[in-house]
Amino acid sequence: MTQYKLLDWIDENKLSKLYLSMNPNGIDYIIENNIPFNSYLSFNTNPKAIEVLNENPDLIEWEFLSQNPSAVSLLLDSKNSDKINWYYLSLNTNDDIVDILLKPDNYFKINWNCLSENSNPKVIELLSKKEYKYKINWSALSVNKNAASILLNPENRFKVDWNNLCKNPNEEIVKVILDSENRNKLNSYYLSQNENPEVIEFLSKPENINLINWNSISLNPSAIKLLYENQDKINWIEFSKNPSIFKLI
C-alpha cells in the first residue's frame, strides 16, 4: 500500500495537528504519531481517510464530506441520504455524484454557484448550453480549470472575475494571466494559490517575489521548492494542509 513520510527539512513541531487531517498524504504520519483525527478528515480525499470515517462515523462533518469526490461510497449509501448537503454536493466532481446532480429532477436541489466551480466535464457541457448560461456564477466559474472554453470566449470577457481567474491553473488561462498586458490585474493572494508550474516559475523570479502572498502559497503543492528556500515566511497552518510536505516512500 502507498505510504508517505514527512520531508526531512520540515520541523514537525510547527505543524498544525488539527489541519493535518485535511492533508491527503498525511494519513500515515497521523497514524504513526498517534495524532487524533478530527472532522477535517471529511475533506480528505485519500482512500485511507474514507476507511477511517467508515469506522468512525462520529468524525464525519457532512458539509465537508458532501464535496469529497472520494467519499462516494458513503454519500450514495441510502442510510445517509438525509445527511447530504446539496449545497456542497454541487462542488463534488465524482462522476457518479455528478450524474445524480444533473438529473433534471434534482436541478432544484443544486446550488448553481457551487456547480459553476465544479470541473467535471459533464458540468461544463451543461453550463456551455445557452439555456443554462444565465445560471452561471462567473466568480466561481473563473477558478474552474475546465471552463477555459467559456471563460476565454470574447463575449464573456467582461464577466470574468480576475481575482479568481488568477487561481486558475488551466494552461490557456495561465498564458492570459501572465501576459504583460494583464499585470495590473494580478491578485497576489489568488495567484499564489495557482498550482501551474509556469506561475510558480514567474513568482520565483526576483522581480516578482513581491507578488507572493506567503500565507496562500504555503498551501500550494507546486511551490514546495520555493517554500524550502523561504522557510521563515511559511504559514504553518496552511503548510500543514500541503500534500507536498510528504514524500512517497
Protein backbone atom coordinates (compact mmCIF):
# COMPACT_ATOMS: atom_id res chain seq x y z
CA MET A 1 0.00 0.00 0.00
CA THR A 2 1.23 3.51 -0.84
CA GLN A 3 2.94 5.24 2.08
CA TYR A 4 4.25 8.74 2.67
CA LYS A 5 6.72 10.29 5.10
CA LEU A 6 7.36 13.86 6.13
CA LEU A 7 10.13 15.68 4.25
CA ASP A 8 13.35 15.73 6.26
CA TRP A 9 13.72 19.52 6.41
CA ILE A 10 10.31 20.19 7.94
CA ASP A 11 10.07 20.99 11.65
CA GLU A 12 7.21 18.77 12.71
CA ASN A 13 6.74 20.74 15.93
CA LYS A 14 5.49 23.67 13.85
CA LEU A 15 2.82 21.65 12.05
CA SER A 16 -0.84 22.04 12.97
CA LYS A 17 -2.09 18.68 14.23
CA LEU A 18 -5.64 19.89 13.65
CA TYR A 19 -5.21 20.66 9.95
CA LEU A 20 -3.07 17.62 9.18
CA SER A 21 -6.32 15.67 8.98
CA MET A 22 -7.07 17.55 5.75
CA ASN A 23 -3.78 16.53 4.14
CA PRO A 24 -4.31 13.68 1.63
CA ASN A 25 -0.72 12.49 2.08
CA GLY A 26 -0.69 12.83 5.86
CA ILE A 27 -2.71 9.79 6.94
CA ASP A 28 0.31 7.54 7.55
CA TYR A 29 2.08 10.24 9.55
CA ILE A 30 -1.01 10.87 11.68
CA ILE A 31 -1.40 7.16 12.47
CA GLU A 32 2.30 6.61 13.15
CA ASN A 33 2.43 9.57 15.55
CA ASN A 34 -0.85 8.80 17.33
CA ILE A 35 -2.33 12.15 16.37
CA PRO A 36 -6.12 12.20 16.88
CA PHE A 37 -8.21 12.52 13.75
CA ASN A 38 -10.86 15.25 13.64
CA SER A 39 -13.81 16.28 11.46
CA TYR A 40 -11.47 17.92 8.91
CA LEU A 41 -10.78 14.35 7.81
CA SER A 42 -14.08 14.61 5.93
CA PHE A 43 -12.27 16.84 3.40
CA ASN A 44 -9.53 14.27 2.88
CA THR A 45 -9.56 12.52 -0.50
CA ASN A 46 -7.19 9.71 0.50
CA PRO A 47 -8.99 6.32 0.42
CA LYS A 48 -7.43 5.56 3.83
CA ALA A 49 -9.27 8.60 5.21
CA ILE A 50 -12.57 7.22 3.94
CA GLU A 51 -11.79 3.91 5.67
CA VAL A 52 -11.23 5.77 8.96
CA LEU A 53 -14.50 7.66 8.51
CA ASN A 54 -16.37 4.43 7.79
CA GLU A 55 -15.06 3.05 11.07
CA ASN A 56 -15.59 6.32 12.97
CA PRO A 57 -18.78 7.96 11.64
CA ASP A 58 -18.79 10.38 14.58
CA LEU A 59 -15.88 12.14 12.85
CA ILE A 60 -17.95 12.90 9.75
CA GLU A 61 -18.87 16.50 9.04
CA TRP A 62 -21.43 16.14 6.25
CA GLU A 63 -20.90 19.59 4.78
CA PHE A 64 -17.24 18.70 4.24
CA LEU A 65 -17.88 15.13 3.14
CA SER A 66 -20.54 16.11 0.60
CA GLN A 67 -17.89 17.78 -1.56
CA ASN A 68 -15.37 14.93 -1.24
CA PRO A 69 -15.07 13.02 -4.56
CA SER A 70 -13.51 10.03 -2.79
CA ALA A 71 -16.45 9.60 -0.39
CA VAL A 72 -18.91 8.29 -2.96
CA SER A 73 -19.49 5.03 -1.04
CA LEU A 74 -20.67 6.97 2.00
CA LEU A 75 -22.59 9.58 0.03
CA LEU A 76 -24.51 7.04 -2.04
CA ASP A 77 -25.35 4.81 0.93
CA SER A 78 -29.12 5.04 1.26
CA LYS A 79 -28.95 5.32 5.03
CA ASN A 80 -27.05 8.61 4.64
CA SER A 81 -29.34 10.23 2.07
CA ASP A 82 -30.88 12.62 4.62
CA LYS A 83 -27.42 13.80 5.74
CA ILE A 84 -26.15 15.00 2.38
CA ASN A 85 -25.68 18.72 1.99
CA TRP A 86 -26.70 19.53 -1.59
CA TYR A 87 -25.10 22.96 -1.45
CA TYR A 88 -21.67 21.37 -1.07
CA LEU A 89 -22.55 18.27 -3.06
CA SER A 90 -22.76 20.63 -6.04
CA LEU A 91 -18.97 21.01 -5.78
CA ASN A 92 -18.36 17.27 -5.95
CA THR A 93 -16.54 16.23 -9.14
CA ASN A 94 -17.09 12.47 -8.82
CA ASP A 95 -18.77 11.11 -11.99
CA ASP A 96 -21.38 9.12 -10.06
CA ILE A 97 -22.28 12.15 -7.96
CA VAL A 98 -22.43 14.43 -11.00
CA ASP A 99 -24.80 12.00 -12.72
CA ILE A 100 -27.14 12.42 -9.75
CA LEU A 101 -26.72 16.19 -9.65
CA LEU A 102 -27.56 16.52 -13.33
CA LYS A 103 -30.80 14.58 -13.25
CA PRO A 104 -33.43 17.16 -14.18
CA ASP A 105 -35.48 16.19 -11.13
CA ASN A 106 -32.59 17.33 -8.93
CA TYR A 107 -31.96 20.70 -10.55
CA PHE A 108 -33.93 22.45 -7.81
CA LYS A 109 -31.55 20.99 -5.20
CA ILE A 110 -28.40 22.18 -6.96
CA ASN A 111 -26.54 25.23 -5.78
CA TRP A 112 -25.60 26.75 -9.12
CA ASN A 113 -22.94 28.96 -7.56
CA CYS A 114 -21.10 25.87 -6.38
CA LEU A 115 -21.85 23.96 -9.56
CA SER A 116 -20.14 26.73 -11.54
CA GLU A 117 -16.91 25.78 -9.77
CA ASN A 118 -17.36 22.06 -10.48
CA SER A 119 -14.73 20.97 -13.04
CA ASN A 120 -16.39 17.73 -14.12
CA PRO A 121 -16.67 17.76 -17.96
CA LYS A 122 -20.38 16.90 -17.76
CA VAL A 123 -20.97 20.06 -15.73
CA ILE A 124 -19.01 22.16 -18.22
CA GLU A 125 -21.09 20.71 -21.04
CA LEU A 126 -24.28 21.72 -19.23
CA LEU A 127 -23.07 25.23 -18.40
CA SER A 128 -22.00 25.72 -22.01
CA LYS A 129 -25.58 25.36 -23.19
CA LYS A 130 -27.31 28.62 -23.96
CA GLU A 131 -30.32 27.83 -21.80
CA TYR A 132 -28.19 27.39 -18.66
CA LYS A 133 -25.70 30.23 -19.05
CA TYR A 134 -27.90 32.53 -17.00
CA LYS A 135 -27.34 30.23 -14.02
CA ILE A 136 -23.55 30.62 -14.12
CA ASN A 137 -21.84 32.30 -11.21
CA TRP A 138 -18.96 33.95 -13.04
CA SER A 139 -16.84 34.44 -9.97
CA ALA A 140 -16.98 30.72 -9.19
CA LEU A 141 -16.57 29.72 -12.82
CA SER A 142 -13.40 31.80 -13.04
CA VAL A 143 -11.50 29.27 -10.88
CA ASN A 144 -12.81 26.31 -12.89
CA LYS A 145 -9.85 24.67 -14.64
CA ASN A 146 -12.02 23.03 -17.30
CA ALA A 147 -14.06 26.10 -18.19
CA ALA A 148 -11.49 27.80 -20.46
CA SER A 149 -13.75 27.50 -23.50
CA ILE A 150 -16.36 29.60 -21.70
CA LEU A 151 -14.05 31.97 -19.83
CA LEU A 152 -11.90 32.82 -22.84
CA ASN A 153 -14.83 33.38 -25.16
CA PRO A 154 -14.55 37.07 -26.17
CA GLU A 155 -18.23 37.64 -25.49
CA ASN A 156 -17.66 36.76 -21.82
CA ARG A 157 -14.53 38.84 -21.20
CA PHE A 158 -16.35 41.38 -19.01
CA LYS A 159 -17.99 38.67 -16.90
CA VAL A 160 -14.77 37.04 -15.72
CA ASP A 161 -13.65 37.62 -12.14
CA TRP A 162 -9.94 38.39 -12.47
CA ASN A 163 -9.21 37.77 -8.80
CA ASN A 164 -10.41 34.18 -9.05
CA LEU A 165 -9.02 33.75 -12.55
CA CYS A 166 -5.55 34.26 -11.09
CA LYS A 167 -6.02 30.96 -9.23
CA ASN A 168 -6.99 29.01 -12.36
CA PRO A 169 -4.22 26.53 -13.38
CA ASN A 170 -5.52 25.90 -16.90
CA GLU A 171 -2.64 26.25 -19.41
CA GLU A 172 -4.56 28.53 -21.78
CA ILE A 173 -5.77 30.71 -18.95
CA VAL A 174 -2.31 30.96 -17.39
CA LYS A 175 -1.00 32.36 -20.66
CA VAL A 176 -3.62 35.09 -20.45
CA ILE A 177 -2.96 35.76 -16.75
CA LEU A 178 0.79 36.14 -17.26
CA ASP A 179 0.54 38.25 -20.38
CA SER A 180 2.38 41.51 -19.74
CA GLU A 181 -0.71 43.47 -20.70
CA ASN A 182 -2.59 41.99 -17.76
CA ARG A 183 -0.02 42.53 -14.98
CA ASN A 184 -2.14 45.26 -13.38
CA LYS A 185 -4.97 42.74 -12.94
CA LEU A 186 -2.96 40.23 -10.90
CA ASN A 187 -4.15 39.38 -7.41
CA SER A 188 -1.23 38.09 -5.35
CA TYR A 189 -3.39 36.14 -2.90
CA TYR A 190 -5.05 34.07 -5.61
CA LEU A 191 -2.05 33.93 -7.93
CA SER A 192 -0.01 32.43 -5.10
CA GLN A 193 -2.52 29.56 -4.91
CA ASN A 194 -2.14 28.76 -8.61
CA GLU A 195 -0.58 25.31 -8.98
CA ASN A 196 0.54 25.72 -12.58
CA PRO A 197 4.37 25.39 -12.73
CA GLU A 198 4.60 28.39 -15.05
CA VAL A 199 3.03 30.57 -12.37
CA ILE A 200 5.48 29.30 -9.74
CA GLU A 201 8.35 29.98 -12.13
CA PHE A 202 7.00 33.50 -12.68
CA LEU A 203 6.66 34.16 -8.94
CA SER A 204 10.14 32.79 -8.25
CA LYS A 205 11.82 35.46 -10.34
CA PRO A 206 13.49 38.15 -8.19
CA GLU A 207 11.50 40.92 -9.85
CA ASN A 208 8.19 39.18 -9.00
CA ILE A 209 8.89 37.90 -5.49
CA ASN A 210 6.93 40.85 -4.08
CA LEU A 211 3.80 39.40 -5.71
CA ILE A 212 3.88 36.35 -3.46
CA ASN A 213 1.35 36.04 -0.68
CA TRP A 214 3.16 33.73 1.70
CA ASN A 215 0.00 32.71 3.53
CA SER A 216 -1.69 31.35 0.43
CA ILE A 217 1.41 29.97 -1.27
CA SER A 218 2.14 27.89 1.84
CA LEU A 219 -0.77 25.67 0.76
CA ASN A 220 0.45 25.36 -2.84
CA PRO A 221 1.83 21.85 -3.60
CA SER A 222 3.72 23.16 -6.63
CA ALA A 223 5.65 25.69 -4.54
CA ILE A 224 7.47 23.30 -2.20
CA LYS A 225 10.95 24.25 -3.50
CA LEU A 226 10.20 27.95 -3.08
CA LEU A 227 8.91 27.31 0.44
CA TYR A 228 12.03 25.31 1.31
CA GLU A 229 14.10 28.32 0.27
CA ASN A 230 11.96 30.70 2.36
CA GLN A 231 11.13 28.74 5.49
CA ASP A 232 10.90 31.85 7.64
CA LYS A 233 7.92 33.02 5.59
CA ILE A 234 5.85 29.83 5.83
CA ASN A 235 2.35 29.93 7.28
CA TRP A 236 2.43 26.65 9.16
CA ILE A 237 -1.32 26.21 9.43
CA GLU A 238 -1.72 26.37 5.66
CA PHE A 239 1.50 24.43 5.17
CA SER A 240 0.10 21.56 7.24
CA LYS A 241 -2.56 21.05 4.54
CA ASN A 242 0.00 20.99 1.73
CA PRO A 243 0.29 17.45 0.26
CA SER A 244 3.85 18.12 -0.91
CA ILE A 245 5.21 18.25 2.65
CA PHE A 246 5.14 14.46 2.43
CA LYS A 247 7.09 12.27 0.02
CA LEU A 248 6.33 8.83 -1.31
CA ILE A 249 8.36 6.10 0.39
